[in-house]
Protein backbone atom coordinates (compact mmCIF):
# COMPACT_ATOMS: atom_id res chain seq x y z
CA MET A 1 -13.65 91.18 154.37
CA ALA A 2 -11.28 93.36 156.39
CA ILE A 3 -10.64 97.03 155.67
CA LYS A 4 -7.13 98.24 154.89
CA ILE A 5 -5.99 101.51 156.43
CA VAL A 6 -3.82 102.27 153.40
CA LEU A 7 -5.74 103.15 150.25
CA SER A 8 -4.76 103.89 146.68
CA ASP A 9 -3.70 107.50 146.18
CA LYS A 10 -6.14 107.74 143.24
CA VAL A 11 -9.91 107.41 143.06
CA GLY A 12 -12.06 107.10 139.97
CA ILE A 13 -15.49 108.70 140.05
CA GLN A 14 -18.38 108.75 137.62
CA VAL A 15 -20.29 112.02 137.45
CA ARG A 16 -23.87 111.64 136.24
CA GLY A 17 -26.44 114.30 135.57
CA ALA A 18 -28.73 115.89 133.03
CA ILE A 19 -28.93 119.19 131.18
CA ASN A 20 -32.13 120.48 129.64
CA ASP A 21 -32.09 121.04 125.89
CA GLU A 22 -33.86 123.89 124.09
CA ALA A 23 -37.19 122.03 124.34
CA GLY A 24 -36.79 121.65 128.10
CA VAL A 25 -36.12 117.92 127.82
CA ALA A 26 -33.47 116.58 130.20
CA GLN A 27 -30.50 115.14 128.30
CA ALA A 28 -28.53 112.69 130.44
CA PHE A 29 -24.74 112.82 130.58
CA ASP A 30 -21.97 111.06 132.42
CA PHE A 31 -18.20 111.30 132.49
CA ARG A 32 -15.41 109.81 134.59
CA LEU A 33 -12.74 111.63 136.54
CA VAL A 34 -9.49 110.21 137.88
CA CYS A 35 -8.63 112.17 141.02
CA LYS A 36 -6.06 112.34 143.79
CA ARG A 37 -7.52 110.69 146.86
CA LEU A 38 -7.22 113.18 149.70
CA ASP A 39 -7.64 111.89 153.22
CA ALA A 40 -10.09 113.44 155.68
CA ALA A 41 -7.49 115.80 157.18
CA GLN A 42 -6.34 117.01 153.75
CA ILE A 43 -9.91 117.68 152.66
CA GLN A 44 -10.66 119.54 155.88
CA GLN A 45 -7.50 121.63 155.53
CA LYS A 46 -8.30 122.51 151.91
CA VAL A 47 -11.85 123.48 152.78
CA ASN A 48 -10.80 125.55 155.82
CA ILE A 49 -7.72 127.26 154.37
CA ASN A 50 -9.25 127.88 150.99
CA SER A 51 -12.75 128.74 152.16
CA GLN A 52 -12.76 131.51 149.55
CA ALA A 53 -11.58 129.08 146.87
CA SER A 54 -14.09 127.94 144.33
CA LEU A 55 -15.19 124.40 143.64
CA VAL A 56 -13.40 124.71 140.30
CA GLU A 57 -10.11 125.44 142.08
CA PHE A 58 -10.66 122.43 144.37
CA LEU A 59 -11.33 120.22 141.36
CA ALA A 60 -8.28 121.60 139.51
CA ASP A 61 -6.18 120.51 142.51
CA VAL A 62 -7.50 116.93 142.59
CA VAL A 63 -8.52 115.97 139.02
CA GLU A 64 -5.72 114.35 137.02
CA ASP A 65 -7.53 112.82 134.04
CA TRP A 66 -10.97 112.18 132.59
CA SER A 67 -12.95 110.28 130.00
CA GLY A 68 -16.34 110.83 128.42
CA VAL A 69 -15.88 114.55 127.77
CA ARG A 70 -16.33 115.78 124.20
CA ASP A 71 -16.08 119.09 122.40
CA GLY A 72 -18.73 120.82 120.28
CA ASN A 73 -17.82 118.63 117.28
CA ASP A 74 -18.31 115.45 119.38
CA SER A 75 -14.55 114.76 119.36
CA VAL A 76 -12.86 113.37 122.47
CA LEU A 77 -11.55 116.26 124.55
CA PRO A 78 -8.27 115.51 126.36
CA TYR A 79 -7.96 116.50 130.00
CA SER A 80 -6.26 119.79 130.75
CA GLU A 81 -6.89 122.38 133.43
CA GLN A 82 -8.14 124.76 130.72
CA ASN A 83 -10.63 122.14 129.47
CA LEU A 84 -11.71 121.48 133.06
CA GLN A 85 -12.39 125.21 133.46
CA ALA A 86 -14.50 125.12 130.27
CA LEU A 87 -16.46 122.10 131.50
CA CYS A 88 -17.07 123.79 134.84
CA ASN A 89 -18.45 126.83 133.01
CA ILE A 90 -21.63 124.78 132.53
CA PRO A 91 -23.77 125.80 135.52
CA GLY A 92 -23.97 123.06 138.13
CA VAL A 93 -21.19 120.83 136.76
CA SER A 94 -18.54 121.84 139.31
CA ALA A 95 -20.98 121.39 142.22
CA LEU A 96 -22.04 117.99 140.89
CA ALA A 97 -18.43 116.86 140.38
CA PHE A 98 -17.45 118.07 143.88
CA LYS A 99 -20.44 116.35 145.48
CA THR A 100 -19.62 113.12 143.62
CA TYR A 101 -15.95 113.32 144.66
CA MET A 102 -16.91 113.78 148.31
CA ALA A 103 -19.33 110.84 148.13
CA GLU A 104 -16.86 108.52 146.39
CA VAL A 105 -13.48 109.38 147.93
CA GLY A 106 -14.23 107.67 151.25
CA ALA A 107 -16.15 104.85 152.82
CA LYS A 108 -19.87 104.49 152.36
CA GLU A 109 -22.58 102.10 153.42
CA LYS A 110 -22.82 98.94 151.35
CA ASN A 111 -26.30 97.91 150.28
């Protein structure tokens, strides 16, 4: 199959990880993000110009929606920049989401 040089301006990514509970047992989680698809030049510019910017700021610029995120009462939490900030307050979440975005936004080897 041929590759197209024009891609959708959105990319969906699934972020998967685990957080230890109070007993030290890893509790798996996953959630989906709908993001703006930046091209290589846009990513490079954002990383270079905003080298002092945090991963959270990068994510706030690209994330447009999500699913699979719940509040403390296990109710669905709608996407907002404020809720994204709260999610990214969990240590490691912003780095994991950024790493997943970078891995999923472009081409990768097919197994």
